[in-house]
Amino acid sequence: MKLTNEIKKYLDSSVLCWLATASIHNVPNVSPKEVFTYFDDSNIIVANIASPQTVLNIKENNKVCISFIHVFIQKGYQLKGEAKIITKKDPCFKTMESKLIEITKGEYPFTTITNILVTEVKPIIAPKYVLFPETTEREQIEHAKQTYLQTIKS
């Protein structure tokens, strides 16, 4: 599955993503991730900073789902695929690591990387766009900002 420029745009503008895994016994786990990007047109990479359950689950069951949205526009994507834990011994580790270090500026140490080969893509869109099709992204941004400001004030 090819990662389009649209998907890459939302990856670049998302500050968090959520990586869902399951153990060999199908016990689910969802973990927020802060350091992630696309590696090429088919692969997403995620720094494993504090992810022991994610890493363990992927070693047992490599099927994963990763979701991300632009927090104000409230659009994004859900991607499903097959994950692999990349260690320092893997030939591609240094190249992947350099892309993630651009994001962390070296402030977050990590020794492994989750590489996700994307096999399915599904858009995520806030219900407001569906219920009120005349909603513009600008209106959605303003509404989201107001909501977040109210949350901070309370």
C-alpha atoms as a PDB file:
ATOM      1  CA  MET A   1       0.000   0.000   0.000  1.00  0.00           C
ATOM      2  CA  LYS A   2       1.433   3.363  -1.000  1.00  0.00           C
ATOM      3  CA  LEU A   3       1.525   6.267   1.434  1.00  0.00           C
ATOM      4  CA  THR A   4       0.144   9.203  -0.517  1.00  0.00           C
ATOM      5  CA  ASN A   5       1.222  12.818  -0.090  1.00  0.00           C
ATOM      6  CA  GLU A   6      -2.078  13.400   1.750  1.00  0.00           C
ATOM      7  CA  ILE A   7      -1.274  10.677   4.305  1.00  0.00           C
ATOM      8  CA  LYS A   8       2.259  12.033   4.712  1.00  0.00           C
ATOM      9  CA  LYS A   9       0.840  15.542   5.254  1.00  0.00           C
ATOM     10  CA  TYR A  10      -1.274  14.287   8.162  1.00  0.00           C
ATOM     11  CA  LEU A  11       1.626  12.260   9.557  1.00  0.00           C
ATOM     12  CA  ASP A  12       3.781  15.390   9.515  1.00  0.00           C
ATOM     13  CA  SER A  13       1.102  17.522  11.197  1.00  0.00           C
ATOM     14  CA  SER A  14       0.128  15.051  13.937  1.00  0.00           C
ATOM     15  CA  VAL A  15       1.802  15.425  17.321  1.00  0.00           C
ATOM     16  CA  LEU A  16       0.723  12.018  18.625  1.00  0.00           C
ATOM     17  CA  CYS A  17      -0.294   8.735  17.137  1.00  0.00           C
ATOM     18  CA  TRP A  18      -1.816   5.683  18.746  1.00  0.00           C
ATOM     19  CA  LEU A  19      -0.312   2.270  18.059  1.00  0.00           C
ATOM     20  CA  ALA A  20      -2.582  -0.703  18.704  1.00  0.00           C
ATOM     21  CA  THR A  21      -1.088  -4.148  19.191  1.00  0.00           C
ATOM     22  CA  ALA A  22      -2.306  -7.460  20.586  1.00  0.00           C
ATOM     23  CA  SER A  23      -0.520 -10.217  22.423  1.00  0.00           C
ATOM     24  CA  ILE A  24      -0.365 -13.793  21.208  1.00  0.00           C
ATOM     25  CA  HIS A  25      -3.445 -14.341  23.420  1.00  0.00           C
ATOM     26  CA  ASN A  26      -5.281 -11.450  21.703  1.00  0.00           C
ATOM     27  CA  VAL A  27      -5.023  -9.099  24.672  1.00  0.00           C
ATOM     28  CA  PRO A  28      -5.154  -5.600  23.129  1.00  0.00           C
ATOM     29  CA  ASN A  29      -2.855  -2.709  23.950  1.00  0.00           C
ATOM     30  CA  VAL A  30      -2.996   0.865  22.668  1.00  0.00           C
ATOM     31  CA  SER A  31      -0.085   3.143  23.327  1.00  0.00           C
ATOM     32  CA  PRO A  32       0.422   6.809  22.410  1.00  0.00           C
ATOM     33  CA  LYS A  33       3.585   7.522  20.447  1.00  0.00           C
ATOM     34  CA  GLU A  34       5.243  10.898  20.112  1.00  0.00           C
ATOM     35  CA  VAL A  35       8.140  10.129  17.761  1.00  0.00           C
ATOM     36  CA  PHE A  36       7.039   8.718  14.400  1.00  0.00           C
ATOM     37  CA  THR A  37       7.253   9.450  10.690  1.00  0.00           C
ATOM     38  CA  TYR A  38       7.136   7.761   7.316  1.00  0.00           C
ATOM     39  CA  PHE A  39      10.321   6.033   6.200  1.00  0.00           C
ATOM     40  CA  ASP A  40       9.375   5.639   2.556  1.00  0.00           C
ATOM     41  CA  ASP A  41       6.192   5.217   0.520  1.00  0.00           C
ATOM     42  CA  SER A  42       5.186   1.985   2.315  1.00  0.00           C
ATOM     43  CA  ASN A  43       6.625   2.128   5.832  1.00  0.00           C
ATOM     44  CA  ILE A  44       5.967   4.063   9.041  1.00  0.00           C
ATOM     45  CA  ILE A  45       8.654   4.110  11.716  1.00  0.00           C
ATOM     46  CA  VAL A  46       8.149   4.704  15.437  1.00  0.00           C
ATOM     47  CA  ALA A  47      10.838   5.200  18.093  1.00  0.00           C
ATOM     48  CA  ASN A  48      10.423   2.747  20.964  1.00  0.00           C
ATOM     49  CA  ILE A  49      11.071   5.117  23.864  1.00  0.00           C
ATOM     50  CA  ALA A  50       9.017   3.607  26.692  1.00  0.00           C
ATOM     51  CA  SER A  51       7.230   0.774  24.938  1.00  0.00           C
ATOM     52  CA  PRO A  52       7.933  -2.596  26.549  1.00  0.00           C
ATOM     53  CA  GLN A  53       4.389  -3.948  26.021  1.00  0.00           C
ATOM     54  CA  THR A  54       4.274  -2.737  22.415  1.00  0.00           C
ATOM     55  CA  VAL A  55       7.607  -4.396  21.632  1.00  0.00           C
ATOM     56  CA  LEU A  56       6.614  -7.656  23.356  1.00  0.00           C
ATOM     57  CA  ASN A  57       3.267  -7.777  21.559  1.00  0.00           C
ATOM     58  CA  ILE A  58       4.832  -7.158  18.143  1.00  0.00           C
ATOM     59  CA  LYS A  59       7.310  -9.966  18.729  1.00  0.00           C
ATOM     60  CA  GLU A  60       4.341 -12.278  19.451  1.00  0.00           C
ATOM     61  CA  ASN A  61       1.861 -10.888  16.902  1.00  0.00           C
ATOM     62  CA  ASN A  62       3.054  -8.530  14.182  1.00  0.00           C
ATOM     63  CA  LYS A  63      -0.393  -7.267  13.102  1.00  0.00           C
ATOM     64  CA  VAL A  64      -0.813  -3.615  14.177  1.00  0.00           C
ATOM     65  CA  CYS A  65      -2.961  -0.550  13.657  1.00  0.00           C
ATOM     66  CA  ILE A  66      -1.660   3.012  13.885  1.00  0.00           C
ATOM     67  CA  SER A  67      -3.951   6.061  13.929  1.00  0.00           C
ATOM     68  CA  PHE A  68      -3.211   9.773  13.804  1.00  0.00           C
ATOM     69  CA  ILE A  69      -5.181  12.974  13.274  1.00  0.00           C
ATOM     70  CA  HIS A  70      -4.488  16.662  12.964  1.00  0.00           C
ATOM     71  CA  VAL A  71      -5.807  17.727  16.354  1.00  0.00           C
ATOM     72  CA  PHE A  72      -7.546  20.891  15.135  1.00  0.00           C
ATOM     73  CA  ILE A  73      -8.695  19.880  11.641  1.00  0.00           C
ATOM     74  CA  GLN A  74      -9.805  16.519  13.083  1.00  0.00           C
ATOM     75  CA  LYS A  75      -8.937  14.509  10.036  1.00  0.00           C
ATOM     76  CA  GLY A  76      -6.298  11.836   9.692  1.00  0.00           C
ATOM     77  CA  TYR A  77      -5.785   8.178   8.949  1.00  0.00           C
ATOM     78  CA  GLN A  78      -5.932   4.688  10.378  1.00  0.00           C
ATOM     79  CA  LEU A  79      -3.261   2.439   8.898  1.00  0.00           C
ATOM     80  CA  LYS A  80      -3.037  -1.308   9.386  1.00  0.00           C
ATOM     81  CA  GLY A  81      -0.016  -3.396   8.668  1.00  0.00           C
ATOM     82  CA  GLU A  82       2.711  -5.741   9.745  1.00  0.00           C
ATOM     83  CA  ALA A  83       5.292  -4.549  12.238  1.00  0.00           C
ATOM     84  CA  LYS A  84       8.856  -5.550  12.855  1.00  0.00           C
ATOM     85  CA  ILE A  85      11.169  -4.485  15.669  1.00  0.00           C
ATOM     86  CA  ILE A  86      14.362  -3.024  14.201  1.00  0.00           C
ATOM     87  CA  THR A  87      17.428  -3.315  16.431  1.00  0.00           C
ATOM     88  CA  LYS A  88      20.853  -1.709  16.170  1.00  0.00           C
ATOM     89  CA  LYS A  89      22.065  -4.893  14.455  1.00  0.00           C
ATOM     90  CA  ASP A  90      19.689  -4.379  11.506  1.00  0.00           C
ATOM     91  CA  PRO A  91      21.354  -2.787   8.446  1.00  0.00           C
ATOM     92  CA  CYS A  92      18.577  -0.179   8.109  1.00  0.00           C
ATOM     93  CA  PHE A  93      18.683   0.925  11.780  1.00  0.00           C
ATOM     94  CA  LYS A  94      21.059   3.875  11.293  1.00  0.00           C
ATOM     95  CA  THR A  95      19.070   5.319   8.399  1.00  0.00           C
ATOM     96  CA  MET A  96      15.775   4.964  10.282  1.00  0.00           C
ATOM     97  CA  GLU A  97      17.344   6.285  13.470  1.00  0.00           C
ATOM     98  CA  SER A  98      18.562   9.433  11.704  1.00  0.00           C
ATOM     99  CA  LYS A  99      15.009  10.275  10.539  1.00  0.00           C
ATOM    100  CA  LEU A 100      13.689   9.874  14.095  1.00  0.00           C
ATOM    101  CA  ILE A 101      16.560  11.857  15.648  1.00  0.00           C
ATOM    102  CA  GLU A 102      15.559  14.778  13.393  1.00  0.00           C
ATOM    103  CA  ILE A 103      12.295  14.781  15.356  1.00  0.00           C
ATOM    104  CA  THR A 104      13.741  14.218  18.857  1.00  0.00           C
ATOM    105  CA  LYS A 105      16.843  16.385  18.422  1.00  0.00           C
ATOM    106  CA  GLY A 106      18.532  13.574  20.357  1.00  0.00           C
ATOM    107  CA  GLU A 107      16.537  14.312  23.520  1.00  0.00           C
ATOM    108  CA  TYR A 108      14.740  10.952  23.727  1.00  0.00           C
ATOM    109  CA  PRO A 109      16.913   7.849  23.813  1.00  0.00           C
ATOM    110  CA  PHE A 110      15.690   4.735  22.031  1.00  0.00           C
ATOM    111  CA  THR A 111      17.393   1.471  21.168  1.00  0.00           C
ATOM    112  CA  THR A 112      14.777  -0.103  18.905  1.00  0.00           C
ATOM    113  CA  ILE A 113      12.395   1.097  16.218  1.00  0.00           C
ATOM    114  CA  THR A 114       9.033  -0.260  15.174  1.00  0.00           C
ATOM    115  CA  ASN A 115       8.799  -0.477  11.392  1.00  0.00           C
ATOM    116  CA  ILE A 116       5.256  -0.860  10.052  1.00  0.00           C
ATOM    117  CA  LEU A 117       4.709  -2.069   6.497  1.00  0.00           C
ATOM    118  CA  VAL A 118       1.337  -0.520   5.664  1.00  0.00           C
ATOM    119  CA  THR A 119      -1.188  -2.897   4.094  1.00  0.00           C
ATOM    120  CA  GLU A 120      -4.501  -1.030   4.605  1.00  0.00           C
ATOM    121  CA  VAL A 121      -5.470   2.648   4.733  1.00  0.00           C
ATOM    122  CA  LYS A 122      -8.687   4.175   6.060  1.00  0.00           C
ATOM    123  CA  PRO A 123      -9.387   7.909   6.452  1.00  0.00           C
ATOM    124  CA  ILE A 124     -10.507   9.263   9.833  1.00  0.00           C
ATOM    125  CA  ILE A 125     -12.857  12.222   9.791  1.00  0.00           C
ATOM    126  CA  ALA A 126     -14.699  13.978  12.620  1.00  0.00           C
ATOM    127  CA  PRO A 127     -18.453  13.272  12.612  1.00  0.00           C
ATOM    128  CA  LYS A 128     -19.186  16.990  12.218  1.00  0.00           C
ATOM    129  CA  TYR A 129     -17.952  16.859   8.604  1.00  0.00           C
ATOM    130  CA  VAL A 130     -20.421  14.051   7.892  1.00  0.00           C
ATOM    131  CA  LEU A 131     -23.384  15.467   9.812  1.00  0.00           C
ATOM    132  CA  PHE A 132     -22.816  18.995   8.535  1.00  0.00           C
ATOM    133  CA  PRO A 133     -21.152  18.656   5.103  1.00  0.00           C
ATOM    134  CA  GLU A 134     -20.874  22.435   4.726  1.00  0.00           C
ATOM    135  CA  THR A 135     -18.323  22.465   7.590  1.00  0.00           C
ATOM    136  CA  THR A 136     -15.004  23.873   6.439  1.00  0.00           C
ATOM    137  CA  GLU A 137     -11.625  22.981   7.876  1.00  0.00           C
ATOM    138  CA  ARG A 138     -11.250  26.599   9.012  1.00  0.00           C
ATOM    139  CA  GLU A 139     -14.533  26.376  10.975  1.00  0.00           C
ATOM    140  CA  GLN A 140     -13.466  23.052  12.473  1.00  0.00           C
ATOM    141  CA  ILE A 141     -10.124  24.531  13.557  1.00  0.00           C
ATOM    142  CA  GLU A 142     -11.836  27.470  15.277  1.00  0.00           C
ATOM    143  CA  HIS A 143     -14.314  25.165  17.010  1.00  0.00           C
ATOM    144  CA  ALA A 144     -11.533  22.851  18.193  1.00  0.00           C
ATOM    145  CA  LYS A 145      -9.463  25.789  19.496  1.00  0.00           C
ATOM    146  CA  GLN A 146     -12.455  27.100  21.473  1.00  0.00           C
ATOM    147  CA  THR A 147     -13.063  23.644  22.936  1.00  0.00           C
ATOM    148  CA  TYR A 148      -9.419  23.251  23.972  1.00  0.00           C
ATOM    149  CA  LEU A 149      -9.292  26.743  25.489  1.00  0.00           C
ATOM    150  CA  GLN A 150     -12.413  26.006  27.560  1.00  0.00           C
ATOM    151  CA  THR A 151     -10.813  22.765  28.768  1.00  0.00           C
ATOM    152  CA  ILE A 152      -7.650  24.598  29.847  1.00  0.00           C
ATOM    153  CA  LYS A 153      -9.601  27.286  31.702  1.00  0.00           C
ATOM    154  CA  SER A 154     -11.616  24.800  33.760  1.00  0.00           C
END
